[in-house]
């Protein structure tokens, strides 16, 4: 039998999870880059499955890119709210967050090449 505190804790977790999914859905609806990154991730995972390549590095790289894109989206919203006018610090914050997504995306591309490249070359030769 569960205690009341664990039932409350589980309800609290589900409530938080709904808020998180709402944020993901908002990013998917409003951010073209997020949709592109989801599509690239689906393609990479599909290729890994078809080529019987290791899935874990692909999944981790996808999760990193999508997570940073969500952080970037959140940071942009907060900066726009706090500083609706152009300001050098607002630009620096937005550019820095976008840079983090770019670095993660390039890293994910390298992971994809290392993990999927050899089986693709073998298949094509």
PDB file of N, CA and C in Angstrom:
ATOM      1  N   UNK A   1       0.847  -1.183   0.000  1.00  0.00           N
ATOM      2  CA  UNK A   1       0.000   0.000   0.000  1.00  0.00           C
ATOM      3  C   UNK A   1       0.892   1.246   0.000  1.00  0.00           C
ATOM      4  N   UNK A   2       0.540   2.223  -0.792  1.00  0.00           N
ATOM      5  CA  UNK A   2       1.320   3.457  -0.882  1.00  0.00           C
ATOM      6  C   UNK A   2       0.893   4.437   0.187  1.00  0.00           C
ATOM      7  N   UNK A   3       1.881   5.212   0.605  1.00  0.00           N
ATOM      8  CA  UNK A   3       1.553   6.277   1.553  1.00  0.00           C
ATOM      9  C   UNK A   3       1.003   7.471   0.792  1.00  0.00           C
ATOM     10  N   UNK A   4       0.356   8.361   1.526  1.00  0.00           N
ATOM     11  CA  UNK A   4      -0.189   9.568   0.894  1.00  0.00           C
ATOM     12  C   UNK A   4       0.899  10.417   0.270  1.00  0.00           C
ATOM     13  N   UNK A   5       2.072  10.479   0.919  1.00  0.00           N
ATOM     14  CA  UNK A   5       3.127  11.330   0.387  1.00  0.00           C
ATOM     15  C   UNK A   5       3.637  10.814  -0.952  1.00  0.00           C
ATOM     16  N   UNK A   6       3.711   9.494  -1.141  1.00  0.00           N
ATOM     17  CA  UNK A   6       4.172   8.994  -2.438  1.00  0.00           C
ATOM     18  C   UNK A   6       3.107   9.215  -3.510  1.00  0.00           C
ATOM     19  N   UNK A   7       1.841   9.116  -3.154  1.00  0.00           N
ATOM     20  CA  UNK A   7       0.771   9.396  -4.124  1.00  0.00           C
ATOM     21  C   UNK A   7       0.790  10.867  -4.511  1.00  0.00           C
ATOM     22  N   UNK A   8       0.992  11.737  -3.532  1.00  0.00           N
ATOM     23  CA  UNK A   8       1.098  13.170  -3.831  1.00  0.00           C
ATOM     24  C   UNK A   8       2.319  13.452  -4.690  1.00  0.00           C
ATOM     25  N   UNK A   9       3.412  12.775  -4.384  1.00  0.00           N
ATOM     26  CA  UNK A   9       4.635  12.967  -5.141  1.00  0.00           C
ATOM     27  C   UNK A   9       4.442  12.529  -6.595  1.00  0.00           C
ATOM     28  N   UNK A  10       3.764  11.418  -6.795  1.00  0.00           N
ATOM     29  CA  UNK A  10       3.497  10.938  -8.145  1.00  0.00           C
ATOM     30  C   UNK A  10       2.580  11.904  -8.892  1.00  0.00           C
ATOM     31  N   UNK A  11       1.557  12.405  -8.228  1.00  0.00           N
ATOM     32  CA  UNK A  11       0.665  13.391  -8.863  1.00  0.00           C
ATOM     33  C   UNK A  11       1.437  14.653  -9.241  1.00  0.00           C
ATOM     34  N   UNK A  12       2.310  15.081  -8.355  1.00  0.00           N
ATOM     35  CA  UNK A  12       3.125  16.270  -8.620  1.00  0.00           C
ATOM     36  C   UNK A  12       4.026  16.028  -9.836  1.00  0.00           C
ATOM     37  N   UNK A  13       4.607  14.810  -9.919  1.00  0.00           N
ATOM     38  CA  UNK A  13       5.465  14.487 -11.048  1.00  0.00           C
ATOM     39  C   UNK A  13       4.665  14.525 -12.355  1.00  0.00           C
ATOM     40  N   UNK A  14       3.467  13.924 -12.373  1.00  0.00           N
ATOM     41  CA  UNK A  14       2.644  13.925 -13.582  1.00  0.00           C
ATOM     42  C   UNK A  14       2.259  15.340 -13.992  1.00  0.00           C
ATOM     43  N   UNK A  15       1.961  16.168 -12.999  1.00  0.00           N
ATOM     44  CA  UNK A  15       1.621  17.564 -13.291  1.00  0.00           C
ATOM     45  C   UNK A  15       2.814  18.268 -13.935  1.00  0.00           C
ATOM     46  N   UNK A  16       4.003  18.060 -13.385  1.00  0.00           N
ATOM     47  CA  UNK A  16       5.220  18.644 -13.959  1.00  0.00           C
ATOM     48  C   UNK A  16       5.478  18.112 -15.360  1.00  0.00           C
ATOM     49  N   UNK A  17       5.234  16.826 -15.547  1.00  0.00           N
ATOM     50  CA  UNK A  17       5.442  16.232 -16.868  1.00  0.00           C
ATOM     51  C   UNK A  17       4.497  16.846 -17.903  1.00  0.00           C
ATOM     52  N   UNK A  18       3.260  17.132 -17.503  1.00  0.00           N
ATOM     53  CA  UNK A  18       2.319  17.793 -18.430  1.00  0.00           C
ATOM     54  C   UNK A  18       2.828  19.174 -18.830  1.00  0.00           C
ATOM     55  N   UNK A  19       3.385  19.928 -17.862  1.00  0.00           N
ATOM     56  CA  UNK A  19       3.950  21.239 -18.185  1.00  0.00           C
ATOM     57  C   UNK A  19       5.124  21.082 -19.153  1.00  0.00           C
ATOM     58  N   UNK A  20       5.954  20.088 -18.923  1.00  0.00           N
ATOM     59  CA  UNK A  20       7.108  19.859 -19.798  1.00  0.00           C
ATOM     60  C   UNK A  20       6.651  19.522 -21.214  1.00  0.00           C
ATOM     61  N   UNK A  21       5.670  18.630 -21.342  1.00  0.00           N
ATOM     62  CA  UNK A  21       5.153  18.292 -22.668  1.00  0.00           C
ATOM     63  C   UNK A  21       4.528  19.499 -23.350  1.00  0.00           C
ATOM     64  N   UNK A  22       3.910  20.359 -22.565  1.00  0.00           N
ATOM     65  CA  UNK A  22       3.345  21.587 -23.118  1.00  0.00           C
ATOM     66  C   UNK A  22       4.452  22.459 -23.714  1.00  0.00           C
ATOM     67  N   UNK A  23       5.581  22.526 -23.027  1.00  0.00           N
ATOM     68  CA  UNK A  23       6.718  23.295 -23.547  1.00  0.00           C
ATOM     69  C   UNK A  23       7.279  22.688 -24.816  1.00  0.00           C
ATOM     70  N   UNK A  24       7.353  21.366 -24.862  1.00  0.00           N
ATOM     71  CA  UNK A  24       7.840  20.691 -26.069  1.00  0.00           C
ATOM     72  C   UNK A  24       6.874  20.938 -27.223  1.00  0.00           C
ATOM     73  N   UNK A  25       5.582  20.822 -26.962  1.00  0.00           N
ATOM     74  CA  UNK A  25       4.578  21.052 -28.011  1.00  0.00           C
ATOM     75  C   UNK A  25       4.645  22.492 -28.515  1.00  0.00           C
ATOM     76  N   UNK A  26       4.826  23.454 -27.590  1.00  0.00           N
ATOM     77  CA  UNK A  26       4.942  24.857 -27.990  1.00  0.00           C
ATOM     78  C   UNK A  26       6.147  25.049 -28.909  1.00  0.00           C
ATOM     79  N   UNK A  27       7.278  24.471 -28.546  1.00  0.00           N
ATOM     80  CA  UNK A  27       8.478  24.598 -29.385  1.00  0.00           C
ATOM     81  C   UNK A  27       8.240  23.961 -30.746  1.00  0.00           C
ATOM     82  N   UNK A  28       7.588  22.808 -30.775  1.00  0.00           N
ATOM     83  CA  UNK A  28       7.332  22.148 -32.050  1.00  0.00           C
ATOM     84  C   UNK A  28       6.418  22.995 -32.937  1.00  0.00           C
ATOM     85  N   UNK A  29       5.407  23.606 -32.337  1.00  0.00           N
ATOM     86  CA  UNK A  29       4.471  24.439 -33.112  1.00  0.00           C
ATOM     87  C   UNK A  29       5.114  25.732 -33.603  1.00  0.00           C
ATOM     88  N   UNK A  30       6.001  26.314 -32.807  1.00  0.00           N
ATOM     89  CA  UNK A  30       6.452  27.682 -33.092  1.00  0.00           C
ATOM     90  C   UNK A  30       7.880  27.801 -33.613  1.00  0.00           C
ATOM     91  N   UNK A  31       8.684  26.752 -33.476  1.00  0.00           N
ATOM     92  CA  UNK A  31      10.100  26.857 -33.834  1.00  0.00           C
ATOM     93  C   UNK A  31      10.434  25.941 -35.008  1.00  0.00           C
ATOM     94  N   UNK A  32      10.692  26.552 -36.157  1.00  0.00           N
ATOM     95  CA  UNK A  32      11.017  25.770 -37.355  1.00  0.00           C
ATOM     96  C   UNK A  32      12.267  24.918 -37.134  1.00  0.00           C
ATOM     97  N   UNK A  33      13.273  25.470 -36.467  1.00  0.00           N
ATOM     98  CA  UNK A  33      14.500  24.699 -36.238  1.00  0.00           C
ATOM     99  C   UNK A  33      14.230  23.457 -35.397  1.00  0.00           C
ATOM    100  N   UNK A  34      13.340  23.566 -34.415  1.00  0.00           N
ATOM    101  CA  UNK A  34      13.006  22.407 -33.589  1.00  0.00           C
ATOM    102  C   UNK A  34      12.382  21.313 -34.455  1.00  0.00           C
ATOM    103  N   UNK A  35      11.473  21.696 -35.348  1.00  0.00           N
ATOM    104  CA  UNK A  35      10.846  20.708 -36.230  1.00  0.00           C
ATOM    105  C   UNK A  35      11.887  20.062 -37.153  1.00  0.00           C
ATOM    106  N   UNK A  36      12.809  20.866 -37.668  1.00  0.00           N
ATOM    107  CA  UNK A  36      13.873  20.319 -38.526  1.00  0.00           C
ATOM    108  C   UNK A  36      14.731  19.336 -37.725  1.00  0.00           C
ATOM    109  N   UNK A  37      15.074  19.699 -36.496  1.00  0.00           N
ATOM    110  CA  UNK A  37      15.915  18.837 -35.661  1.00  0.00           C
ATOM    111  C   UNK A  37      15.184  17.554 -35.276  1.00  0.00           C
ATOM    112  N   UNK A  38      13.878  17.631 -35.034  1.00  0.00           N
ATOM    113  CA  UNK A  38      13.098  16.417 -34.769  1.00  0.00           C
ATOM    114  C   UNK A  38      13.131  15.517 -36.007  1.00  0.00           C
ATOM    115  N   UNK A  39      12.930  16.101 -37.172  1.00  0.00           N
ATOM    116  CA  UNK A  39      12.974  15.318 -38.416  1.00  0.00           C
ATOM    117  C   UNK A  39      14.326  14.672 -38.641  1.00  0.00           C
ATOM    118  N   UNK A  40      15.396  15.429 -38.395  1.00  0.00           N
ATOM    119  CA  UNK A  40      16.745  14.871 -38.545  1.00  0.00           C
ATOM    120  C   UNK A  40      16.971  13.741 -37.547  1.00  0.00           C
ATOM    121  N   UNK A  41      16.456  13.912 -36.344  1.00  0.00           N
ATOM    122  CA  UNK A  41      16.593  12.869 -35.332  1.00  0.00           C
ATOM    123  C   UNK A  41      15.847  11.602 -35.713  1.00  0.00           C
ATOM    124  N   UNK A  42      14.630  11.764 -36.214  1.00  0.00           N
ATOM    125  CA  UNK A  42      13.846  10.603 -36.651  1.00  0.00           C
ATOM    126  C   UNK A  42      14.580   9.887 -37.787  1.00  0.00           C
ATOM    127  N   UNK A  43      15.127  10.645 -38.722  1.00  0.00           N
ATOM    128  CA  UNK A  43      15.877  10.058 -39.832  1.00  0.00           C
ATOM    129  C   UNK A  43      17.104   9.305 -39.314  1.00  0.00           C
ATOM    130  N   UNK A  44      17.852   9.914 -38.392  1.00  0.00           N
ATOM    131  CA  UNK A  44      19.058   9.271 -37.854  1.00  0.00           C
ATOM    132  C   UNK A  44      18.711   7.983 -37.100  1.00  0.00           C
ATOM    133  N   UNK A  45      17.671   8.023 -36.287  1.00  0.00           N
ATOM    134  CA  UNK A  45      17.268   6.834 -35.528  1.00  0.00           C
ATOM    135  C   UNK A  45      16.785   5.744 -36.495  1.00  0.00           C
ATOM    136  N   UNK A  46      16.026   6.124 -37.504  1.00  0.00           N
ATOM    137  CA  UNK A  46      15.543   5.160 -38.490  1.00  0.00           C
ATOM    138  C   UNK A  46      16.717   4.511 -39.219  1.00  0.00           C
ATOM    139  N   UNK A  47      17.683   5.328 -39.638  1.00  0.00           N
ATOM    140  CA  UNK A  47      18.869   4.780 -40.312  1.00  0.00           C
ATOM    141  C   UNK A  47      19.631   3.833 -39.399  1.00  0.00           C
ATOM    142  N   UNK A  48      19.800   4.229 -38.142  1.00  0.00           N
ATOM    143  CA  UNK A  48      20.516   3.367 -37.197  1.00  0.00           C
ATOM    144  C   UNK A  48      19.806   2.025 -37.048  1.00  0.00           C
ATOM    145  N   UNK A  49      18.491   2.051 -36.964  1.00  0.00           N
ATOM    146  CA  UNK A  49      17.736   0.799 -36.839  1.00  0.00           C
ATOM    147  C   UNK A  49      17.860  -0.054 -38.103  1.00  0.00           C
ATOM    148  N   UNK A  50      17.728   0.580 -39.261  1.00  0.00           N
ATOM    149  CA  UNK A  50      17.819  -0.162 -40.523  1.00  0.00           C
ATOM    150  C   UNK A  50      19.209  -0.744 -40.757  1.00  0.00           C
ATOM    151  N   UNK A  51      20.241  -0.005 -40.321  1.00  0.00           N
ATOM    152  CA  UNK A  51      21.621  -0.448 -40.540  1.00  0.00           C
ATOM    153  C   UNK A  51      22.157  -1.295 -39.386  1.00  0.00           C
ATOM    154  N   UNK A  52      21.323  -1.514 -38.379  1.00  0.00           N
ATOM    155  CA  UNK A  52      21.742  -2.253 -37.174  1.00  0.00           C
ATOM    156  C   UNK A  52      22.973  -1.606 -36.550  1.00  0.00           C
ATOM    157  N   UNK A  53      23.000  -0.286 -36.559  1.00  0.00           N
ATOM    158  CA  UNK A  53      24.095   0.478 -35.957  1.00  0.00           C
ATOM    159  C   UNK A  53      23.757   0.764 -34.497  1.00  0.00           C
ATOM    160  N   UNK A  54      24.754   1.075 -33.700  1.00  0.00           N
ATOM    161  CA  UNK A  54      24.479   1.391 -32.292  1.00  0.00           C
ATOM    162  C   UNK A  54      23.506   2.566 -32.171  1.00  0.00           C
ATOM    163  N   UNK A  55      22.478   2.375 -31.382  1.00  0.00           N
ATOM    164  CA  UNK A  55      21.417   3.373 -31.258  1.00  0.00           C
ATOM    165  C   UNK A  55      21.705   4.397 -30.158  1.00  0.00           C
ATOM    166  N   UNK A  56      22.369   3.973 -29.104  1.00  0.00           N
ATOM    167  CA  UNK A  56      22.566   4.855 -27.940  1.00  0.00           C
ATOM    168  C   UNK A  56      23.248   6.175 -28.286  1.00  0.00           C
ATOM    169  N   UNK A  57      24.361   6.179 -29.037  1.00  0.00           N
ATOM    170  CA  UNK A  57      24.988   7.480 -29.327  1.00  0.00           C
ATOM    171  C   UNK A  57      24.085   8.395 -30.154  1.00  0.00           C
ATOM    172  N   UNK A  58      23.307   7.817 -31.041  1.00  0.00           N
ATOM    173  CA  UNK A  58      22.386   8.607 -31.868  1.00  0.00           C
ATOM    174  C   UNK A  58      21.306   9.217 -30.979  1.00  0.00           C
ATOM    175  N   UNK A  59      20.727   8.409 -30.109  1.00  0.00           N
ATOM    176  CA  UNK A  59      19.681   8.910 -29.212  1.00  0.00           C
ATOM    177  C   UNK A  59      20.204  10.000 -28.285  1.00  0.00           C
ATOM    178  N   UNK A  60      21.402   9.801 -27.752  1.00  0.00           N
ATOM    179  CA  UNK A  60      21.980  10.809 -26.853  1.00  0.00           C
ATOM    180  C   UNK A  60      22.266  12.118 -27.589  1.00  0.00           C
ATOM    181  N   UNK A  61      22.792  12.023 -28.799  1.00  0.00           N
ATOM    182  CA  UNK A  61      23.070  13.230 -29.573  1.00  0.00           C
ATOM    183  C   UNK A  61      21.770  13.968 -29.902  1.00  0.00           C
ATOM    184  N   UNK A  62      20.745  13.220 -30.280  1.00  0.00           N
ATOM    185  CA  UNK A  62      19.437  13.832 -30.576  1.00  0.00           C
ATOM    186  C   UNK A  62      18.867  14.505 -29.329  1.00  0.00           C
ATOM    187  N   UNK A  63      18.935  13.818 -28.200  1.00  0.00           N
ATOM    188  CA  UNK A  63      18.406  14.377 -26.952  1.00  0.00           C
ATOM    189  C   UNK A  63      19.139  15.659 -26.589  1.00  0.00           C
ATOM    190  N   UNK A  64      20.449  15.689 -26.783  1.00  0.00           N
ATOM    191  CA  UNK A  64      21.223  16.896 -26.461  1.00  0.00           C
ATOM    192  C   UNK A  64      20.797  18.068 -27.337  1.00  0.00           C
ATOM    193  N   UNK A  65      20.702  17.839 -28.628  1.00  0.00           N
ATOM    194  CA  UNK A  65      20.314  18.920 -29.553  1.00  0.00           C
ATOM    195  C   UNK A  65      18.911  19.433 -29.232  1.00  0.00           C
ATOM    196  N   UNK A  66      17.961  18.517 -29.067  1.00  0.00           N
ATOM    197  CA  UNK A  66      16.585  18.940 -28.805  1.00  0.00           C
ATOM    198  C   UNK A  66      16.462  19.637 -27.449  1.00  0.00           C
ATOM    199  N   UNK A  67      17.183  19.146 -26.462  1.00  0.00           N
ATOM    200  CA  UNK A  67      17.157  19.796 -25.147  1.00  0.00           C
ATOM    201  C   UNK A  67      17.718  21.208 -25.218  1.00  0.00           C
ATOM    202  N   UNK A  68      18.831  21.367 -25.900  1.00  0.00           N
ATOM    203  CA  UNK A  68      19.405  22.712 -26.007  1.00  0.00           C
ATOM    204  C   UNK A  68      18.522  23.637 -26.837  1.00  0.00           C
ATOM    205  N   UNK A  69      17.839  23.091 -27.826  1.00  0.00           N
ATOM    206  CA  UNK A  69      16.905  23.926 -28.601  1.00  0.00           C
ATOM    207  C   UNK A  69      15.756  24.399 -27.713  1.00  0.00           C
ATOM    208  N   UNK A  70      15.286  23.546 -26.818  1.00  0.00           N
ATOM    209  CA  UNK A  70      14.238  23.949 -25.875  1.00  0.00           C
ATOM    210  C   UNK A  70      14.747  25.023 -24.915  1.00  0.00           C
ATOM    211  N   UNK A  71      15.974  24.870 -24.441  1.00  0.00           N
ATOM    212  CA  UNK A  71      16.569  25.889 -23.561  1.00  0.00           C
ATOM    213  C   UNK A  71      16.716  27.199 -24.328  1.00  0.00           C
ATOM    214  N   UNK A  72      17.155  27.113 -25.574  1.00  0.00           N
ATOM    215  CA  UNK A  72      17.299  28.306 -26.409  1.00  0.00           C
ATOM    216  C   UNK A  72      15.948  29.003 -26.590  1.00  0.00           C
ATOM    217  N   UNK A  73      14.911  28.237 -26.856  1.00  0.00           N
ATOM    218  CA  UNK A  73      13.571  28.795 -27.024  1.00  0.00           C
ATOM    219  C   UNK A  73      13.111  29.491 -25.746  1.00  0.00           C
ATOM    220  N   UNK A  74      13.328  28.845 -24.608  1.00  0.00           N
ATOM    221  CA  UNK A  74      12.936  29.433 -23.326  1.00  0.00           C
ATOM    222  C   UNK A  74      13.722  30.711 -23.048  1.00  0.00           C
ATOM    223  N   UNK A  75      15.016  30.671 -23.293  1.00  0.00           N
ATOM    224  CA  UNK A  75      15.842  31.853 -23.038  1.00  0.00           C
ATOM    225  C   UNK A  75      15.436  33.016 -23.938  1.00  0.00           C
ATOM    226  N   UNK A  76      15.157  32.732 -25.192  1.00  0.00           N
ATOM    227  CA  UNK A  76      14.717  33.792 -26.100  1.00  0.00           C
ATOM    228  C   UNK A  76      13.415  34.424 -25.616  1.00  0.00           C
ATOM    229  N   UNK A  77      12.485  33.610 -25.129  1.00  0.00           N
ATOM    230  CA  UNK A  77      11.214  34.144 -24.626  1.00  0.00           C
ATOM    231  C   UNK A  77      11.439  35.032 -23.409  1.00  0.00           C
ATOM    232  N   UNK A  78      12.287  34.596 -22.499  1.00  0.00           N
ATOM    233  CA  UNK A  78      12.557  35.379 -21.293  1.00  0.00           C
ATOM    234  C   UNK A  78      13.272  36.681 -21.642  1.00  0.00           C
ATOM    235  N   UNK A  79      14.229  36.615 -22.550  1.00  0.00           N
ATOM    236  CA  UNK A  79      14.954  37.827 -22.955  1.00  0.00           C
ATOM    237  C   UNK A  79      14.000  38.801 -23.640  1.00  0.00           C
ATOM    238  N   UNK A  80      13.130  38.293 -24.512  1.00  0.00           N
ATOM    239  CA  UNK A  80      12.165  39.167 -25.183  1.00  0.00           C
ATOM    240  C   UNK A  80      11.214  39.821 -24.191  1.00  0.00           C
ATOM    241  N   UNK A  81      10.837  39.079 -23.167  1.00  0.00           N
ATOM    242  CA  UNK A  81       9.955  39.631 -22.142  1.00  0.00           C
ATOM    243  C   UNK A  81      10.674  40.701 -21.313  1.00  0.00           C
ATOM    244  N   UNK A  82      11.912  40.399 -20.937  1.00  0.00           N
ATOM    245  CA  UNK A  82      12.663  41.317 -20.062  1.00  0.00           C
ATOM    246  C   UNK A  82      13.213  42.516 -20.822  1.00  0.00           C
ATOM    247  N   UNK A  83      13.528  42.333 -22.093  1.00  0.00           N
ATOM    248  CA  UNK A  83      14.162  43.398 -22.865  1.00  0.00           C
ATOM    249  C   UNK A  83      13.558  43.455 -24.264  1.00  0.00           C
ATOM    250  N   UNK A  84      12.333  44.015 -24.368  1.00  0.00           N
ATOM    251  CA  UNK A  84      11.690  44.050 -25.690  1.00  0.00           C
ATOM    252  C   UNK A  84      12.447  44.925 -26.694  1.00  0.00           C
ATOM    253  N   UNK A  85      13.195  45.894 -26.201  1.00  0.00           N
ATOM    254  CA  UNK A  85      14.006  46.724 -27.095  1.00  0.00           C
ATOM    255  C   UNK A  85      15.347  46.048 -27.331  1.00  0.00           C
ATOM    256  N   UNK A  86      15.984  46.409 -28.447  1.00  0.00           N
ATOM    257  CA  UNK A  86      17.305  45.865 -28.740  1.00  0.00           C
ATOM    258  C   UNK A  86      18.296  46.307 -27.662  1.00  0.00           C
ATOM    259  N   UNK A  87      19.082  45.353 -27.200  1.00  0.00           N
ATOM    260  CA  UNK A  87      20.098  45.647 -26.186  1.00  0.00           C
ATOM    261  C   UNK A  87      21.263  44.688 -26.413  1.00  0.00           C
ATOM    262  N   UNK A  88      22.491  45.180 -26.297  1.00  0.00           N
ATOM    263  CA  UNK A  88      23.654  44.314 -26.548  1.00  0.00           C
ATOM    264  C   UNK A  88      23.692  43.073 -25.643  1.00  0.00           C
ATOM    265  N   UNK A  89      23.265  43.193 -24.401  1.00  0.00           N
ATOM    266  CA  UNK A  89      23.278  42.025 -23.513  1.00  0.00           C
ATOM    267  C   UNK A  89      22.198  41.013 -23.910  1.00  0.00           C
ATOM    268  N   UNK A  90      21.056  41.507 -24.365  1.00  0.00           N
ATOM    269  CA  UNK A  90      20.004  40.604 -24.842  1.00  0.00           C
ATOM    270  C   UNK A  90      20.505  39.836 -26.063  1.00  0.00           C
ATOM    271  N   UNK A  91      21.177  40.549 -26.964  1.00  0.00           N
ATOM    272  CA  UNK A  91      21.748  39.906 -28.148  1.00  0.00           C
ATOM    273  C   UNK A  91      22.789  38.876 -27.758  1.00  0.00           C
ATOM    274  N   UNK A  92      23.638  39.211 -26.804  1.00  0.00           N
ATOM    275  CA  UNK A  92      24.671  38.268 -26.365  1.00  0.00           C
ATOM    276  C   UNK A  92      24.051  37.002 -25.774  1.00  0.00           C
ATOM    277  N   UNK A  93      22.995  37.156 -24.992  1.00  0.00           N
ATOM    278  CA  UNK A  93      22.330  35.994 -24.388  1.00  0.00           C
ATOM    279  C   UNK A  93      21.718  35.111 -25.464  1.00  0.00           C
ATOM    280  N   UNK A  94      21.001  35.719 -26.393  1.00  0.00           N
ATOM    281  CA  UNK A  94      20.360  34.947 -27.458  1.00  0.00           C
ATOM    282  C   UNK A  94      21.390  34.276 -28.361  1.00  0.00           C
ATOM    283  N   UNK A  95      22.424  35.016 -28.717  1.00  0.00           N
ATOM    284  CA  UNK A  95      23.458  34.458 -29.585  1.00  0.00           C
ATOM    285  C   UNK A  95      24.210  33.322 -28.894  1.00  0.00           C
ATOM    286  N   UNK A  96      24.455  33.475 -27.606  1.00  0.00           N
ATOM    287  CA  UNK A  96      25.136  32.415 -26.870  1.00  0.00           C
ATOM    288  C   UNK A  96      24.319  31.134 -26.822  1.00  0.00           C
ATOM    289  N   UNK A  97      23.026  31.261 -26.577  1.00  0.00           N
ATOM    290  CA  UNK A  97      22.159  30.083 -26.543  1.00  0.00           C
ATOM    291  C   UNK A  97      22.078  29.433 -27.931  1.00  0.00           C
ATOM    292  N   UNK A  98      21.988  30.256 -28.959  1.00  0.00           N
ATOM    293  CA  UNK A  98      21.958  29.720 -30.326  1.00  0.00           C
ATOM    294  C   UNK A  98      23.284  29.033 -30.656  1.00  0.00           C
ATOM    295  N   UNK A  99      24.375  29.596 -30.162  1.00  0.00           N
ATOM    296  CA  UNK A  99      25.686  28.983 -30.367  1.00  0.00           C
ATOM    297  C   UNK A  99      25.775  27.606 -29.720  1.00  0.00           C
ATOM    298  N   UNK A 100      25.176  27.468 -28.548  1.00  0.00           N
ATOM    299  CA  UNK A 100      25.170  26.162 -27.875  1.00  0.00           C
ATOM    300  C   UNK A 100      24.438  25.127 -28.718  1.00  0.00           C
ATOM    301  N   UNK A 101      23.328  25.523 -29.324  1.00  0.00           N
ATOM    302  CA  UNK A 101      22.577  24.599 -30.187  1.00  0.00           C
ATOM    303  C   UNK A 101      23.414  24.248 -31.414  1.00  0.00           C
ATOM    304  N   UNK A 102      24.096  25.229 -31.975  1.00  0.00           N
ATOM    305  CA  UNK A 102      24.933  24.974 -33.153  1.00  0.00           C
ATOM    306  C   UNK A 102      26.050  23.987 -32.828  1.00  0.00           C
ATOM    307  N   UNK A 103      26.717  24.182 -31.693  1.00  0.00           N
ATOM    308  CA  UNK A 103      27.798  23.266 -31.311  1.00  0.00           C
ATOM    309  C   UNK A 103      27.250  21.850 -31.108  1.00  0.00           C
ATOM    310  N   UNK A 104      26.124  21.736 -30.429  1.00  0.00           N
ATOM    311  CA  UNK A 104      25.519  20.413 -30.214  1.00  0.00           C
ATOM    312  C   UNK A 104      25.115  19.780 -31.544  1.00  0.00           C
ATOM    313  N   UNK A 105      24.588  20.583 -32.453  1.00  0.00           N
ATOM    314  CA  UNK A 105      24.175  20.066 -33.760  1.00  0.00           C
ATOM    315  C   UNK A 105      25.373  19.562 -34.561  1.00  0.00           C
ATOM    316  N   UNK A 106      26.466  20.314 -34.528  1.00  0.00           N
ATOM    317  CA  UNK A 106      27.674  19.862 -35.223  1.00  0.00           C
ATOM    318  C   UNK A 106      28.222  18.592 -34.582  1.00  0.00           C
ATOM    319  N   UNK A 107      28.173  18.526 -33.260  1.00  0.00           N
ATOM    320  CA  UNK A 107      28.596  17.301 -32.572  1.00  0.00           C
ATOM    321  C   UNK A 107      27.710  16.124 -32.940  1.00  0.00           C
ATOM    322  N   UNK A 108      26.410  16.360 -33.022  1.00  0.00           N
ATOM    323  CA  UNK A 108      25.481  15.286 -33.405  1.00  0.00           C
ATOM    324  C   UNK A 108      25.756  14.828 -34.841  1.00  0.00           C
ATOM    325  N   UNK A 109      26.086  15.770 -35.705  1.00  0.00           N
ATOM    326  CA  UNK A 109      26.422  15.410 -37.080  1.00  0.00           C
ATOM    327  C   UNK A 109      27.661  14.519 -37.110  1.00  0.00           C
ATOM    328  N   UNK A 110      28.662  14.861 -36.308  1.00  0.00           N
ATOM    329  CA  UNK A 110      29.867  14.025 -36.237  1.00  0.00           C
ATOM    330  C   UNK A 110      29.557  12.640 -35.673  1.00  0.00           C
ATOM    331  N   UNK A 111      28.729  12.586 -34.648  1.00  0.00           N
ATOM    332  CA  UNK A 111      28.319  11.289 -34.097  1.00  0.00           C
ATOM    333  C   UNK A 111      27.630  10.472 -35.185  1.00  0.00           C
ATOM    334  N   UNK A 112      26.732  11.108 -35.926  1.00  0.00           N
ATOM    335  CA  UNK A 112      26.042  10.417 -37.005  1.00  0.00           C
ATOM    336  C   UNK A 112      26.998   9.882 -38.057  1.00  0.00           C
ATOM    337  N   UNK A 113      27.988  10.695 -38.423  1.00  0.00           N
ATOM    338  CA  UNK A 113      28.967  10.245 -39.425  1.00  0.00           C
ATOM    339  C   UNK A 113      29.787   9.070 -38.918  1.00  0.00           C
ATOM    340  N   UNK A 114      30.213   9.136 -37.659  1.00  0.00           N
ATOM    341  CA  UNK A 114      31.037   8.068 -37.087  1.00  0.00           C
ATOM    342  C   UNK A 114      30.233   6.781 -36.920  1.00  0.00           C
ATOM    343  N   UNK A 115      28.995   6.903 -36.450  1.00  0.00           N
ATOM    344  CA  UNK A 115      28.187   5.712 -36.157  1.00  0.00           C
ATOM    345  C   UNK A 115      27.532   5.153 -37.417  1.00  0.00           C
ATOM    346  N   UNK A 116      27.010   6.022 -38.263  1.00  0.00           N
ATOM    347  CA  UNK A 116      26.250   5.563 -39.426  1.00  0.00           C
ATOM    348  C   UNK A 116      27.092   5.474 -40.697  1.00  0.00           C
ATOM    349  N   UNK A 117      28.212   6.197 -40.743  1.00  0.00           N
ATOM    350  CA  UNK A 117      29.049   6.212 -41.938  1.00  0.00           C
ATOM    351  C   UNK A 117      29.551   4.846 -42.361  1.00  0.00           C
ATOM    352  N   UNK A 118      30.220   4.118 -41.475  1.00  0.00           N
ATOM    353  CA  UNK A 118      30.750   2.806 -41.884  1.00  0.00           C
ATOM    354  C   UNK A 118      29.679   1.834 -42.377  1.00  0.00           C
ATOM    355  N   UNK A 119      28.544   1.663 -41.659  1.00  0.00           N
ATOM    356  CA  UNK A 119      27.553   0.738 -42.221  1.00  0.00           C
ATOM    357  C   UNK A 119      26.949   1.232 -43.541  1.00  0.00           C
ATOM    358  N   UNK A 120      26.825   2.556 -43.699  1.00  0.00           N
ATOM    359  CA  UNK A 120      26.323   3.079 -44.974  1.00  0.00           C
ATOM    360  C   UNK A 120      27.311   2.797 -46.107  1.00  0.00           C
ATOM    361  N   UNK A 121      28.581   3.031 -45.836  1.00  0.00           N
ATOM    362  CA  UNK A 121      29.608   2.743 -46.861  1.00  0.00           C
ATOM    363  C   UNK A 121      29.628   1.261 -47.215  1.00  0.00           C
ATOM    364  N   UNK A 122      29.503   0.407 -46.218  1.00  0.00           N
ATOM    365  CA  UNK A 122      29.475  -1.038 -46.461  1.00  0.00           C
ATOM    366  C   UNK A 122      28.270  -1.412 -47.312  1.00  0.00           C
ATOM    367  N   UNK A 123      27.130  -0.809 -47.009  1.00  0.00           N
ATOM    368  CA  UNK A 123      25.908  -1.097 -47.762  1.00  0.00           C
ATOM    369  C   UNK A 123      26.027  -0.628 -49.211  1.00  0.00           C
ATOM    370  N   UNK A 124      26.662   0.524 -49.423  1.00  0.00           N
ATOM    371  CA  UNK A 124      26.762   1.097 -50.763  1.00  0.00           C
ATOM    372  C   UNK A 124      27.875   0.462 -51.602  1.00  0.00           C
ATOM    373  N   UNK A 125      28.803  -0.238 -50.957  1.00  0.00           N
ATOM    374  CA  UNK A 125      29.917  -0.816 -51.735  1.00  0.00           C
ATOM    375  C   UNK A 125      29.658  -2.251 -52.140  1.00  0.00           C
TER     376      UNK A 125
END
